[in-house]
Amino acid sequence: MVRHDYAYPFRIDPVSGQAQQAPYGTHVDQMIRQLLLTAPGERADFPQFGCGLRQLLFAPNSDALQATTNLTVQRALNQWLAGQVQVVNVTVSPGPGDDYSQIVVLVEYILIETQSKQITQIVVS
């Protein structure tokens, strides 16, 4: 049986009139994106949630920033999604062609429920 969860962002399926669903792997990818792109304090009902990648975009992009971003991402994933994913590797780099106006975060992880390896890439610009 293939597991499905609510799609993010939440929306109504026009055909069924019910909450739209997404396959489990897609749902976890959506949760990772939501976590990493949400700034702590942004959600009034859950102020400690988030990672704040967008805030790091305005810091001078350097090896030190990339190392800090790597640790910040790993800590957030381990804190908020430990029951869903096992982080294998996080790679942080400038955008294509060494574009330092962007941060590219590549998260390699294993879905705990299915033991399948997945990759999520987030480009922050």
PDB file of N, CA and C in Angstrom:
ATOM      1  N   MET A   1       0.837  -1.191   0.000  1.00  0.00           N
ATOM      2  CA  MET A   1       0.000   0.000   0.000  1.00  0.00           C
ATOM      3  C   MET A   1       0.878   1.249   0.000  1.00  0.00           C
ATOM      4  N   VAL A   2       0.574   2.189  -0.857  1.00  0.00           N
ATOM      5  CA  VAL A   2       1.318   3.433  -0.955  1.00  0.00           C
ATOM      6  C   VAL A   2       0.681   4.459  -0.024  1.00  0.00           C
ATOM      7  N   ARG A   3       1.505   5.037   0.833  1.00  0.00           N
ATOM      8  CA  ARG A   3       1.012   6.016   1.795  1.00  0.00           C
ATOM      9  C   ARG A   3       0.915   7.392   1.134  1.00  0.00           C
ATOM     10  N   HIS A   4      -0.155   8.113   1.447  1.00  0.00           N
ATOM     11  CA  HIS A   4      -0.346   9.474   0.979  1.00  0.00           C
ATOM     12  C   HIS A   4      -0.601  10.373   2.182  1.00  0.00           C
ATOM     13  N   ASP A   5      -0.223  11.621   2.079  1.00  0.00           N
ATOM     14  CA  ASP A   5      -0.456  12.621   3.108  1.00  0.00           C
ATOM     15  C   ASP A   5      -0.952  13.890   2.437  1.00  0.00           C
ATOM     16  N   TYR A   6      -1.311  14.877   3.258  1.00  0.00           N
ATOM     17  CA  TYR A   6      -1.783  16.147   2.717  1.00  0.00           C
ATOM     18  C   TYR A   6      -0.691  16.820   1.904  1.00  0.00           C
ATOM     19  N   ALA A   7      -1.074  17.423   0.797  1.00  0.00           N
ATOM     20  CA  ALA A   7      -0.141  18.177  -0.029  1.00  0.00           C
ATOM     21  C   ALA A   7       0.141  19.516   0.641  1.00  0.00           C
ATOM     22  N   TYR A   8       1.324  20.038   0.405  1.00  0.00           N
ATOM     23  CA  TYR A   8       1.682  21.355   0.894  1.00  0.00           C
ATOM     24  C   TYR A   8       2.038  22.215  -0.309  1.00  0.00           C
ATOM     25  N   PRO A   9       1.573  23.407  -0.433  1.00  0.00           N
ATOM     26  CA  PRO A   9       0.640  24.031   0.490  1.00  0.00           C
ATOM     27  C   PRO A   9      -0.738  23.366   0.409  1.00  0.00           C
ATOM     28  N   PHE A  10      -1.465  23.450   1.512  1.00  0.00           N
ATOM     29  CA  PHE A  10      -2.779  22.831   1.595  1.00  0.00           C
ATOM     30  C   PHE A  10      -3.689  23.423   0.526  1.00  0.00           C
ATOM     31  N   ARG A  11      -4.389  22.551  -0.155  1.00  0.00           N
ATOM     32  CA  ARG A  11      -5.340  22.988  -1.181  1.00  0.00           C
ATOM     33  C   ARG A  11      -6.407  21.910  -1.364  1.00  0.00           C
ATOM     34  N   ILE A  12      -7.479  22.294  -1.995  1.00  0.00           N
ATOM     35  CA  ILE A  12      -8.585  21.375  -2.246  1.00  0.00           C
ATOM     36  C   ILE A  12      -8.435  20.797  -3.648  1.00  0.00           C
ATOM     37  N   ASP A  13      -8.583  19.490  -3.762  1.00  0.00           N
ATOM     38  CA  ASP A  13      -8.533  18.810  -5.055  1.00  0.00           C
ATOM     39  C   ASP A  13      -9.811  19.166  -5.812  1.00  0.00           C
ATOM     40  N   PRO A  14      -9.685  19.758  -6.998  1.00  0.00           N
ATOM     41  CA  PRO A  14     -10.888  20.190  -7.728  1.00  0.00           C
ATOM     42  C   PRO A  14     -11.771  19.032  -8.173  1.00  0.00           C
ATOM     43  N   VAL A  15     -11.229  17.844  -8.331  1.00  0.00           N
ATOM     44  CA  VAL A  15     -12.015  16.702  -8.789  1.00  0.00           C
ATOM     45  C   VAL A  15     -12.825  16.098  -7.647  1.00  0.00           C
ATOM     46  N   SER A  16     -12.149  15.836  -6.508  1.00  0.00           N
ATOM     47  CA  SER A  16     -12.830  15.148  -5.404  1.00  0.00           C
ATOM     48  C   SER A  16     -13.485  16.103  -4.409  1.00  0.00           C
ATOM     49  N   GLY A  17     -13.025  17.360  -4.391  1.00  0.00           N
ATOM     50  CA  GLY A  17     -13.554  18.301  -3.399  1.00  0.00           C
ATOM     51  C   GLY A  17     -12.971  18.062  -2.009  1.00  0.00           C
ATOM     52  N   GLN A  18     -11.998  17.185  -1.903  1.00  0.00           N
ATOM     53  CA  GLN A  18     -11.345  16.861  -0.631  1.00  0.00           C
ATOM     54  C   GLN A  18      -9.969  17.512  -0.583  1.00  0.00           C
ATOM     55  N   ALA A  19      -9.326  17.406   0.584  1.00  0.00           N
ATOM     56  CA  ALA A  19      -7.958  17.906   0.708  1.00  0.00           C
ATOM     57  C   ALA A  19      -7.068  17.148  -0.277  1.00  0.00           C
ATOM     58  N   GLN A  20      -6.289  17.887  -1.064  1.00  0.00           N
ATOM     59  CA  GLN A  20      -5.417  17.238  -2.035  1.00  0.00           C
ATOM     60  C   GLN A  20      -4.326  16.472  -1.307  1.00  0.00           C
ATOM     61  N   GLN A  21      -3.993  15.312  -1.849  1.00  0.00           N
ATOM     62  CA  GLN A  21      -2.991  14.468  -1.223  1.00  0.00           C
ATOM     63  C   GLN A  21      -1.758  14.375  -2.103  1.00  0.00           C
ATOM     64  N   ALA A  22      -0.651  13.985  -1.473  1.00  0.00           N
ATOM     65  CA  ALA A  22       0.618  13.797  -2.176  1.00  0.00           C
ATOM     66  C   ALA A  22       1.215  12.476  -1.725  1.00  0.00           C
ATOM     67  N   PRO A  23       1.965  11.801  -2.598  1.00  0.00           N
ATOM     68  CA  PRO A  23       2.660  10.591  -2.170  1.00  0.00           C
ATOM     69  C   PRO A  23       3.578  10.906  -0.983  1.00  0.00           C
ATOM     70  N   TYR A  24       3.851   9.922  -0.167  1.00  0.00           N
ATOM     71  CA  TYR A  24       4.614  10.120   1.060  1.00  0.00           C
ATOM     72  C   TYR A  24       5.967  10.789   0.804  1.00  0.00           C
ATOM     73  N   GLY A  25       6.728  10.332  -0.182  1.00  0.00           N
ATOM     74  CA  GLY A  25       8.031  10.928  -0.475  1.00  0.00           C
ATOM     75  C   GLY A  25       7.919  12.396  -0.840  1.00  0.00           C
ATOM     76  N   THR A  26       6.905  12.752  -1.603  1.00  0.00           N
ATOM     77  CA  THR A  26       6.665  14.150  -1.975  1.00  0.00           C
ATOM     78  C   THR A  26       6.271  14.962  -0.752  1.00  0.00           C
ATOM     79  N   HIS A  27       5.454  14.366   0.112  1.00  0.00           N
ATOM     80  CA  HIS A  27       5.026  15.044   1.340  1.00  0.00           C
ATOM     81  C   HIS A  27       6.232  15.373   2.220  1.00  0.00           C
ATOM     82  N   VAL A  28       7.158  14.438   2.374  1.00  0.00           N
ATOM     83  CA  VAL A  28       8.347  14.678   3.197  1.00  0.00           C
ATOM     84  C   VAL A  28       9.216  15.755   2.555  1.00  0.00           C
ATOM     85  N   ASP A  29       9.372  15.728   1.231  1.00  0.00           N
ATOM     86  CA  ASP A  29      10.105  16.778   0.522  1.00  0.00           C
ATOM     87  C   ASP A  29       9.468  18.141   0.814  1.00  0.00           C
ATOM     88  N   GLN A  30       8.155  18.205   0.791  1.00  0.00           N
ATOM     89  CA  GLN A  30       7.448  19.452   1.074  1.00  0.00           C
ATOM     90  C   GLN A  30       7.664  19.892   2.522  1.00  0.00           C
ATOM     91  N   MET A  31       7.702  18.942   3.455  1.00  0.00           N
ATOM     92  CA  MET A  31       7.958  19.282   4.860  1.00  0.00           C
ATOM     93  C   MET A  31       9.366  19.847   5.036  1.00  0.00           C
ATOM     94  N   ILE A  32      10.343  19.255   4.342  1.00  0.00           N
ATOM     95  CA  ILE A  32      11.721  19.746   4.430  1.00  0.00           C
ATOM     96  C   ILE A  32      11.795  21.173   3.910  1.00  0.00           C
ATOM     97  N   ARG A  33      11.173  21.429   2.776  1.00  0.00           N
ATOM     98  CA  ARG A  33      11.174  22.790   2.216  1.00  0.00           C
ATOM     99  C   ARG A  33      10.509  23.781   3.164  1.00  0.00           C
ATOM    100  N   GLN A  34       9.389  23.389   3.740  1.00  0.00           N
ATOM    101  CA  GLN A  34       8.681  24.263   4.672  1.00  0.00           C
ATOM    102  C   GLN A  34       9.559  24.567   5.887  1.00  0.00           C
ATOM    103  N   LEU A  35      10.200  23.559   6.440  1.00  0.00           N
ATOM    104  CA  LEU A  35      11.052  23.744   7.607  1.00  0.00           C
ATOM    105  C   LEU A  35      12.228  24.671   7.304  1.00  0.00           C
ATOM    106  N   LEU A  36      12.925  24.398   6.217  1.00  0.00           N
ATOM    107  CA  LEU A  36      14.149  25.148   5.931  1.00  0.00           C
ATOM    108  C   LEU A  36      13.880  26.584   5.498  1.00  0.00           C
ATOM    109  N   LEU A  37      12.744  26.838   4.865  1.00  0.00           N
ATOM    110  CA  LEU A  37      12.454  28.187   4.382  1.00  0.00           C
ATOM    111  C   LEU A  37      11.636  29.027   5.368  1.00  0.00           C
ATOM    112  N   THR A  38      11.236  28.440   6.480  1.00  0.00           N
ATOM    113  CA  THR A  38      10.508  29.177   7.514  1.00  0.00           C
ATOM    114  C   THR A  38      11.506  29.745   8.512  1.00  0.00           C
ATOM    115  N   ALA A  39      11.374  31.018   8.819  1.00  0.00           N
ATOM    116  CA  ALA A  39      12.247  31.654   9.806  1.00  0.00           C
ATOM    117  C   ALA A  39      11.676  31.415  11.203  1.00  0.00           C
ATOM    118  N   PRO A  40      12.532  31.091  12.177  1.00  0.00           N
ATOM    119  CA  PRO A  40      12.023  30.979  13.554  1.00  0.00           C
ATOM    120  C   PRO A  40      11.310  32.268  13.944  1.00  0.00           C
ATOM    121  N   GLY A  41      10.142  32.118  14.539  1.00  0.00           N
ATOM    122  CA  GLY A  41       9.330  33.263  14.915  1.00  0.00           C
ATOM    123  C   GLY A  41       8.317  33.665  13.859  1.00  0.00           C
ATOM    124  N   GLU A  42       8.422  33.101  12.668  1.00  0.00           N
ATOM    125  CA  GLU A  42       7.516  33.463  11.570  1.00  0.00           C
ATOM    126  C   GLU A  42       6.115  32.910  11.796  1.00  0.00           C
ATOM    127  N   ARG A  43       6.009  31.753  12.414  1.00  0.00           N
ATOM    128  CA  ARG A  43       4.695  31.148  12.659  1.00  0.00           C
ATOM    129  C   ARG A  43       4.228  31.530  14.063  1.00  0.00           C
ATOM    130  N   ALA A  44       3.173  32.308  14.122  1.00  0.00           N
ATOM    131  CA  ALA A  44       2.684  32.820  15.405  1.00  0.00           C
ATOM    132  C   ALA A  44       2.266  31.703  16.354  1.00  0.00           C
ATOM    133  N   ASP A  45       1.710  30.628  15.805  1.00  0.00           N
ATOM    134  CA  ASP A  45       1.239  29.533  16.646  1.00  0.00           C
ATOM    135  C   ASP A  45       2.349  28.548  17.027  1.00  0.00           C
ATOM    136  N   PHE A  46       3.528  28.688  16.434  1.00  0.00           N
ATOM    137  CA  PHE A  46       4.623  27.750  16.665  1.00  0.00           C
ATOM    138  C   PHE A  46       5.946  28.484  16.438  1.00  0.00           C
ATOM    139  N   PRO A  47       6.265  29.476  17.286  1.00  0.00           N
ATOM    140  CA  PRO A  47       7.378  30.394  17.004  1.00  0.00           C
ATOM    141  C   PRO A  47       8.764  29.756  16.974  1.00  0.00           C
ATOM    142  N   GLN A  48       8.967  28.624  17.599  1.00  0.00           N
ATOM    143  CA  GLN A  48      10.293  28.015  17.598  1.00  0.00           C
ATOM    144  C   GLN A  48      10.568  27.185  16.338  1.00  0.00           C
ATOM    145  N   PHE A  49       9.549  26.943  15.516  1.00  0.00           N
ATOM    146  CA  PHE A  49       9.695  26.145  14.302  1.00  0.00           C
ATOM    147  C   PHE A  49      10.441  26.921  13.220  1.00  0.00           C
ATOM    148  N   GLY A  50      11.306  26.250  12.498  1.00  0.00           N
ATOM    149  CA  GLY A  50      11.950  26.839  11.332  1.00  0.00           C
ATOM    150  C   GLY A  50      13.458  26.750  11.386  1.00  0.00           C
ATOM    151  N   CYS A  51      14.064  27.140  10.267  1.00  0.00           N
ATOM    152  CA  CYS A  51      15.515  27.108  10.109  1.00  0.00           C
ATOM    153  C   CYS A  51      16.043  28.485   9.713  1.00  0.00           C
ATOM    154  N   GLY A  52      15.325  29.191   8.888  1.00  0.00           N
ATOM    155  CA  GLY A  52      15.710  30.548   8.524  1.00  0.00           C
ATOM    156  C   GLY A  52      16.762  30.675   7.445  1.00  0.00           C
ATOM    157  N   LEU A  53      16.711  29.819   6.430  1.00  0.00           N
ATOM    158  CA  LEU A  53      17.697  29.902   5.347  1.00  0.00           C
ATOM    159  C   LEU A  53      17.687  31.260   4.655  1.00  0.00           C
ATOM    160  N   ARG A  54      16.528  31.837   4.496  1.00  0.00           N
ATOM    161  CA  ARG A  54      16.450  33.116   3.770  1.00  0.00           C
ATOM    162  C   ARG A  54      17.221  34.221   4.491  1.00  0.00           C
ATOM    163  N   GLN A  55      17.298  34.161   5.811  1.00  0.00           N
ATOM    164  CA  GLN A  55      18.038  35.164   6.569  1.00  0.00           C
ATOM    165  C   GLN A  55      19.533  35.079   6.273  1.00  0.00           C
ATOM    166  N   LEU A  56      20.023  33.873   5.998  1.00  0.00           N
ATOM    167  CA  LEU A  56      21.448  33.692   5.733  1.00  0.00           C
ATOM    168  C   LEU A  56      21.859  34.247   4.372  1.00  0.00           C
ATOM    169  N   LEU A  57      20.902  34.442   3.489  1.00  0.00           N
ATOM    170  CA  LEU A  57      21.200  34.925   2.146  1.00  0.00           C
ATOM    171  C   LEU A  57      21.858  36.296   2.167  1.00  0.00           C
ATOM    172  N   PHE A  58      21.587  37.093   3.175  1.00  0.00           N
ATOM    173  CA  PHE A  58      22.107  38.457   3.223  1.00  0.00           C
ATOM    174  C   PHE A  58      23.445  38.559   3.946  1.00  0.00           C
ATOM    175  N   ALA A  59      23.952  37.435   4.444  1.00  0.00           N
ATOM    176  CA  ALA A  59      25.292  37.413   5.036  1.00  0.00           C
ATOM    177  C   ALA A  59      26.305  37.245   3.907  1.00  0.00           C
ATOM    178  N   PRO A  60      27.535  37.706   4.100  1.00  0.00           N
ATOM    179  CA  PRO A  60      28.551  37.517   3.057  1.00  0.00           C
ATOM    180  C   PRO A  60      28.771  36.023   2.798  1.00  0.00           C
ATOM    181  N   ASN A  61      28.565  35.591   1.566  1.00  0.00           N
ATOM    182  CA  ASN A  61      28.686  34.178   1.228  1.00  0.00           C
ATOM    183  C   ASN A  61      30.163  33.792   1.216  1.00  0.00           C
ATOM    184  N   SER A  62      30.500  32.833   2.076  1.00  0.00           N
ATOM    185  CA  SER A  62      31.884  32.401   2.230  1.00  0.00           C
ATOM    186  C   SER A  62      31.885  30.947   2.682  1.00  0.00           C
ATOM    187  N   ASP A  63      33.073  30.382   2.820  1.00  0.00           N
ATOM    188  CA  ASP A  63      33.175  29.013   3.342  1.00  0.00           C
ATOM    189  C   ASP A  63      32.600  28.923   4.752  1.00  0.00           C
ATOM    190  N   ALA A  64      32.836  29.965   5.555  1.00  0.00           N
ATOM    191  CA  ALA A  64      32.316  29.971   6.925  1.00  0.00           C
ATOM    192  C   ALA A  64      30.788  29.978   6.938  1.00  0.00           C
ATOM    193  N   LEU A  65      30.182  30.772   6.057  1.00  0.00           N
ATOM    194  CA  LEU A  65      28.721  30.806   5.974  1.00  0.00           C
ATOM    195  C   LEU A  65      28.185  29.452   5.521  1.00  0.00           C
ATOM    196  N   GLN A  66      28.865  28.836   4.559  1.00  0.00           N
ATOM    197  CA  GLN A  66      28.422  27.536   4.073  1.00  0.00           C
ATOM    198  C   GLN A  66      28.502  26.481   5.180  1.00  0.00           C
ATOM    199  N   ALA A  67      29.555  26.516   5.987  1.00  0.00           N
ATOM    200  CA  ALA A  67      29.686  25.573   7.101  1.00  0.00           C
ATOM    201  C   ALA A  67      28.606  25.825   8.149  1.00  0.00           C
ATOM    202  N   THR A  68      28.340  27.086   8.443  1.00  0.00           N
ATOM    203  CA  THR A  68      27.288  27.436   9.403  1.00  0.00           C
ATOM    204  C   THR A  68      25.923  26.990   8.895  1.00  0.00           C
ATOM    205  N   THR A  69      25.666  27.222   7.615  1.00  0.00           N
ATOM    206  CA  THR A  69      24.400  26.815   7.013  1.00  0.00           C
ATOM    207  C   THR A  69      24.241  25.306   7.081  1.00  0.00           C
ATOM    208  N   ASN A  70      25.309  24.573   6.787  1.00  0.00           N
ATOM    209  CA  ASN A  70      25.279  23.111   6.860  1.00  0.00           C
ATOM    210  C   ASN A  70      24.861  22.652   8.248  1.00  0.00           C
ATOM    211  N   LEU A  71      25.485  23.196   9.295  1.00  0.00           N
ATOM    212  CA  LEU A  71      25.150  22.813  10.668  1.00  0.00           C
ATOM    213  C   LEU A  71      23.730  23.215  11.043  1.00  0.00           C
ATOM    214  N   THR A  72      23.308  24.408  10.602  1.00  0.00           N
ATOM    215  CA  THR A  72      21.957  24.893  10.898  1.00  0.00           C
ATOM    216  C   THR A  72      20.903  23.981  10.271  1.00  0.00           C
ATOM    217  N   VAL A  73      21.125  23.577   9.025  1.00  0.00           N
ATOM    218  CA  VAL A  73      20.188  22.700   8.323  1.00  0.00           C
ATOM    219  C   VAL A  73      20.130  21.333   8.994  1.00  0.00           C
ATOM    220  N   GLN A  74      21.284  20.754   9.291  1.00  0.00           N
ATOM    221  CA  GLN A  74      21.301  19.442   9.934  1.00  0.00           C
ATOM    222  C   GLN A  74      20.606  19.488  11.287  1.00  0.00           C
ATOM    223  N   ARG A  75      20.872  20.532  12.076  1.00  0.00           N
ATOM    224  CA  ARG A  75      20.245  20.649  13.393  1.00  0.00           C
ATOM    225  C   ARG A  75      18.723  20.746  13.271  1.00  0.00           C
ATOM    226  N   ALA A  76      18.240  21.569  12.337  1.00  0.00           N
ATOM    227  CA  ALA A  76      16.791  21.731  12.161  1.00  0.00           C
ATOM    228  C   ALA A  76      16.141  20.423  11.723  1.00  0.00           C
ATOM    229  N   LEU A  77      16.755  19.735  10.761  1.00  0.00           N
ATOM    230  CA  LEU A  77      16.182  18.464  10.296  1.00  0.00           C
ATOM    231  C   LEU A  77      16.168  17.419  11.406  1.00  0.00           C
ATOM    232  N   ASN A  78      17.245  17.350  12.178  1.00  0.00           N
ATOM    233  CA  ASN A  78      17.296  16.378  13.273  1.00  0.00           C
ATOM    234  C   ASN A  78      16.325  16.725  14.392  1.00  0.00           C
ATOM    235  N   GLN A  79      16.076  18.000  14.599  1.00  0.00           N
ATOM    236  CA  GLN A  79      15.146  18.406  15.646  1.00  0.00           C
ATOM    237  C   GLN A  79      13.691  18.178  15.245  1.00  0.00           C
ATOM    238  N   TRP A  80      13.323  18.576  14.029  1.00  0.00           N
ATOM    239  CA  TRP A  80      11.921  18.598  13.652  1.00  0.00           C
ATOM    240  C   TRP A  80      11.457  17.401  12.831  1.00  0.00           C
ATOM    241  N   LEU A  81      12.362  16.739  12.122  1.00  0.00           N
ATOM    242  CA  LEU A  81      11.935  15.641  11.239  1.00  0.00           C
ATOM    243  C   LEU A  81      12.663  14.336  11.538  1.00  0.00           C
ATOM    244  N   ALA A  82      13.165  14.179  12.745  1.00  0.00           N
ATOM    245  CA  ALA A  82      13.936  12.980  13.097  1.00  0.00           C
ATOM    246  C   ALA A  82      13.118  11.698  12.929  1.00  0.00           C
ATOM    247  N   GLY A  83      11.831  11.747  13.126  1.00  0.00           N
ATOM    248  CA  GLY A  83      10.988  10.567  12.969  1.00  0.00           C
ATOM    249  C   GLY A  83      10.653  10.247  11.524  1.00  0.00           C
ATOM    250  N   GLN A  84      10.956  11.179  10.622  1.00  0.00           N
ATOM    251  CA  GLN A  84      10.618  11.005   9.211  1.00  0.00           C
ATOM    252  C   GLN A  84      11.835  10.698   8.348  1.00  0.00           C
ATOM    253  N   VAL A  85      12.960  11.368   8.645  1.00  0.00           N
ATOM    254  CA  VAL A  85      14.143  11.235   7.808  1.00  0.00           C
ATOM    255  C   VAL A  85      15.391  10.988   8.642  1.00  0.00           C
ATOM    256  N   GLN A  86      16.339  10.317   8.018  1.00  0.00           N
ATOM    257  CA  GLN A  86      17.679  10.171   8.573  1.00  0.00           C
ATOM    258  C   GLN A  86      18.602  10.916   7.614  1.00  0.00           C
ATOM    259  N   VAL A  87      19.185  11.999   8.075  1.00  0.00           N
ATOM    260  CA  VAL A  87      20.025  12.825   7.215  1.00  0.00           C
ATOM    261  C   VAL A  87      21.318  12.073   6.902  1.00  0.00           C
ATOM    262  N   VAL A  88      21.640  11.973   5.623  1.00  0.00           N
ATOM    263  CA  VAL A  88      22.867  11.323   5.170  1.00  0.00           C
ATOM    264  C   VAL A  88      23.936  12.384   4.934  1.00  0.00           C
ATOM    265  N   ASN A  89      23.563  13.468   4.239  1.00  0.00           N
ATOM    266  CA  ASN A  89      24.535  14.501   3.904  1.00  0.00           C
ATOM    267  C   ASN A  89      23.813  15.799   3.575  1.00  0.00           C
ATOM    268  N   VAL A  90      24.441  16.896   3.937  1.00  0.00           N
ATOM    269  CA  VAL A  90      23.963  18.226   3.557  1.00  0.00           C
ATOM    270  C   VAL A  90      25.117  18.933   2.866  1.00  0.00           C
ATOM    271  N   THR A  91      24.869  19.423   1.658  1.00  0.00           N
ATOM    272  CA  THR A  91      25.878  20.153   0.903  1.00  0.00           C
ATOM    273  C   THR A  91      25.361  21.564   0.670  1.00  0.00           C
ATOM    274  N   VAL A  92      26.193  22.544   0.985  1.00  0.00           N
ATOM    275  CA  VAL A  92      25.830  23.947   0.791  1.00  0.00           C
ATOM    276  C   VAL A  92      26.852  24.556  -0.149  1.00  0.00           C
ATOM    277  N   SER A  93      26.359  25.242  -1.181  1.00  0.00           N
ATOM    278  CA  SER A  93      27.266  25.848  -2.154  1.00  0.00           C
ATOM    279  C   SER A  93      26.644  27.125  -2.704  1.00  0.00           C
ATOM    280  N   PRO A  94      27.468  27.959  -3.370  1.00  0.00           N
ATOM    281  CA  PRO A  94      26.883  29.118  -4.054  1.00  0.00           C
ATOM    282  C   PRO A  94      26.073  28.645  -5.252  1.00  0.00           C
ATOM    283  N   GLY A  95      25.345  29.544  -5.860  1.00  0.00           N
ATOM    284  CA  GLY A  95      24.517  29.212  -7.012  1.00  0.00           C
ATOM    285  C   GLY A  95      25.341  28.800  -8.219  1.00  0.00           C
ATOM    286  N   PRO A  96      24.674  28.432  -9.307  1.00  0.00           N
ATOM    287  CA  PRO A  96      25.370  28.007 -10.525  1.00  0.00           C
ATOM    288  C   PRO A  96      26.368  29.061 -10.995  1.00  0.00           C
ATOM    289  N   GLY A  97      27.536  28.606 -11.431  1.00  0.00           N
ATOM    290  CA  GLY A  97      28.565  29.530 -11.903  1.00  0.00           C
ATOM    291  C   GLY A  97      29.145  30.372 -10.777  1.00  0.00           C
ATOM    292  N   ASP A  98      29.174  29.812  -9.563  1.00  0.00           N
ATOM    293  CA  ASP A  98      29.663  30.532  -8.364  1.00  0.00           C
ATOM    294  C   ASP A  98      28.911  31.832  -8.131  1.00  0.00           C
ATOM    295  N   ASP A  99      27.604  31.793  -8.329  1.00  0.00           N
ATOM    296  CA  ASP A  99      26.745  32.951  -8.090  1.00  0.00           C
ATOM    297  C   ASP A  99      26.536  33.088  -6.583  1.00  0.00           C
ATOM    298  N   TYR A 100      27.254  34.014  -5.973  1.00  0.00           N
ATOM    299  CA  TYR A 100      27.197  34.182  -4.525  1.00  0.00           C
ATOM    300  C   TYR A 100      25.958  34.943  -4.059  1.00  0.00           C
ATOM    301  N   SER A 101      25.065  35.286  -4.986  1.00  0.00           N
ATOM    302  CA  SER A 101      23.798  35.896  -4.580  1.00  0.00           C
ATOM    303  C   SER A 101      22.757  34.814  -4.296  1.00  0.00           C
ATOM    304  N   GLN A 102      23.166  33.565  -4.429  1.00  0.00           N
ATOM    305  CA  GLN A 102      22.284  32.431  -4.151  1.00  0.00           C
ATOM    306  C   GLN A 102      22.991  31.447  -3.226  1.00  0.00           C
ATOM    307  N   ILE A 103      22.194  30.697  -2.488  1.00  0.00           N
ATOM    308  CA  ILE A 103      22.692  29.583  -1.690  1.00  0.00           C
ATOM    309  C   ILE A 103      21.942  28.347  -2.156  1.00  0.00           C
ATOM    310  N   VAL A 104      22.680  27.304  -2.513  1.00  0.00           N
ATOM    311  CA  VAL A 104      22.075  26.040  -2.932  1.00  0.00           C
ATOM    312  C   VAL A 104      22.316  25.023  -1.822  1.00  0.00           C
ATOM    313  N   VAL A 105      21.231  24.470  -1.302  1.00  0.00           N
ATOM    314  CA  VAL A 105      21.312  23.463  -0.245  1.00  0.00           C
ATOM    315  C   VAL A 105      20.804  22.151  -0.816  1.00  0.00           C
ATOM    316  N   LEU A 106      21.638  21.139  -0.756  1.00  0.00           N
ATOM    317  CA  LEU A 106      21.298  19.807  -1.233  1.00  0.00           C
ATOM    318  C   LEU A 106      21.255  18.885  -0.018  1.00  0.00           C
ATOM    319  N   VAL A 107      20.084  18.324   0.260  1.00  0.00           N
ATOM    320  CA  VAL A 107      19.904  17.455   1.414  1.00  0.00           C
ATOM    321  C   VAL A 107      19.690  16.031   0.914  1.00  0.00           C
ATOM    322  N   GLU A 108      20.582  15.137   1.312  1.00  0.00           N
ATOM    323  CA  GLU A 108      20.427  13.718   1.013  1.00  0.00           C
ATOM    324  C   GLU A 108      19.950  13.050   2.301  1.00  0.00           C
ATOM    325  N   TYR A 109      18.900  12.246   2.182  1.00  0.00           N
ATOM    326  CA  TYR A 109      18.332  11.626   3.371  1.00  0.00           C
ATOM    327  C   TYR A 109      17.697  10.292   3.025  1.00  0.00           C
ATOM    328  N   ILE A 110      17.420   9.546   4.064  1.00  0.00           N
ATOM    329  CA  ILE A 110      16.715   8.272   3.924  1.00  0.00           C
ATOM    330  C   ILE A 110      15.350   8.431   4.580  1.00  0.00           C
ATOM    331  N   LEU A 111      14.303   8.106   3.835  1.00  0.00           N
ATOM    332  CA  LEU A 111      12.953   8.087   4.410  1.00  0.00           C
ATOM    333  C   LEU A 111      12.893   6.909   5.379  1.00  0.00           C
ATOM    334  N   ILE A 112      12.647   7.172   6.619  1.00  0.00           N
ATOM    335  CA  ILE A 112      12.677   6.109   7.624  1.00  0.00           C
ATOM    336  C   ILE A 112      11.613   5.055   7.341  1.00  0.00           C
ATOM    337  N   GLU A 113      10.433   5.482   6.944  1.00  0.00           N
ATOM    338  CA  GLU A 113       9.326   4.537   6.742  1.00  0.00           C
ATOM    339  C   GLU A 113       9.582   3.564   5.589  1.00  0.00           C
ATOM    340  N   THR A 114      10.212   4.035   4.520  1.00  0.00           N
ATOM    341  CA  THR A 114      10.412   3.179   3.346  1.00  0.00           C
ATOM    342  C   THR A 114      11.863   2.755   3.142  1.00  0.00           C
ATOM    343  N   GLN A 115      12.776   3.357   3.911  1.00  0.00           N
ATOM    344  CA  GLN A 115      14.219   3.110   3.779  1.00  0.00           C
ATOM    345  C   GLN A 115      14.743   3.423   2.382  1.00  0.00           C
ATOM    346  N   SER A 116      14.113   4.383   1.705  1.00  0.00           N
ATOM    347  CA  SER A 116      14.556   4.791   0.381  1.00  0.00           C
ATOM    348  C   SER A 116      15.347   6.090   0.482  1.00  0.00           C
ATOM    349  N   LYS A 117      16.382   6.194  -0.341  1.00  0.00           N
ATOM    350  CA  LYS A 117      17.212   7.381  -0.358  1.00  0.00           C
ATOM    351  C   LYS A 117      16.563   8.452  -1.228  1.00  0.00           C
ATOM    352  N   GLN A 118      16.541   9.677  -0.720  1.00  0.00           N
ATOM    353  CA  GLN A 118      15.909  10.805  -1.410  1.00  0.00           C
ATOM    354  C   GLN A 118      16.856  11.995  -1.403  1.00  0.00           C
ATOM    355  N   ILE A 119      16.626  12.935  -2.294  1.00  0.00           N
ATOM    356  CA  ILE A 119      17.403  14.167  -2.352  1.00  0.00           C
ATOM    357  C   ILE A 119      16.438  15.331  -2.532  1.00  0.00           C
ATOM    358  N   THR A 120      16.647  16.382  -1.745  1.00  0.00           N
ATOM    359  CA  THR A 120      15.891  17.614  -1.888  1.00  0.00           C
ATOM    360  C   THR A 120      16.882  18.749  -2.114  1.00  0.00           C
ATOM    361  N   GLN A 121      16.659  19.529  -3.153  1.00  0.00           N
ATOM    362  CA  GLN A 121      17.526  20.681  -3.432  1.00  0.00           C
ATOM    363  C   GLN A 121      16.707  21.939  -3.270  1.00  0.00           C
ATOM    364  N   ILE A 122      17.267  22.892  -2.525  1.00  0.00           N
ATOM    365  CA  ILE A 122      16.616  24.173  -2.308  1.00  0.00           C
ATOM    366  C   ILE A 122      17.573  25.265  -2.745  1.00  0.00           C
ATOM    367  N   VAL A 123      17.107  26.146  -3.614  1.00  0.00           N
ATOM    368  CA  VAL A 123      17.891  27.291  -4.055  1.00  0.00           C
ATOM    369  C   VAL A 123      17.279  28.520  -3.412  1.00  0.00           C
ATOM    370  N   VAL A 124      18.065  29.207  -2.608  1.00  0.00           N
ATOM    371  CA  VAL A 124      17.591  30.403  -1.925  1.00  0.00           C
ATOM    372  C   VAL A 124      18.211  31.598  -2.642  1.00  0.00           C
ATOM    373  N   SER A 125      17.338  32.478  -3.114  1.00  0.00           N
ATOM    374  CA  SER A 125      17.850  33.668  -3.821  1.00  0.00           C
ATOM    375  C   SER A 125      17.031  34.895  -3.487  1.00  0.00           C
TER     376      SER A 125
END
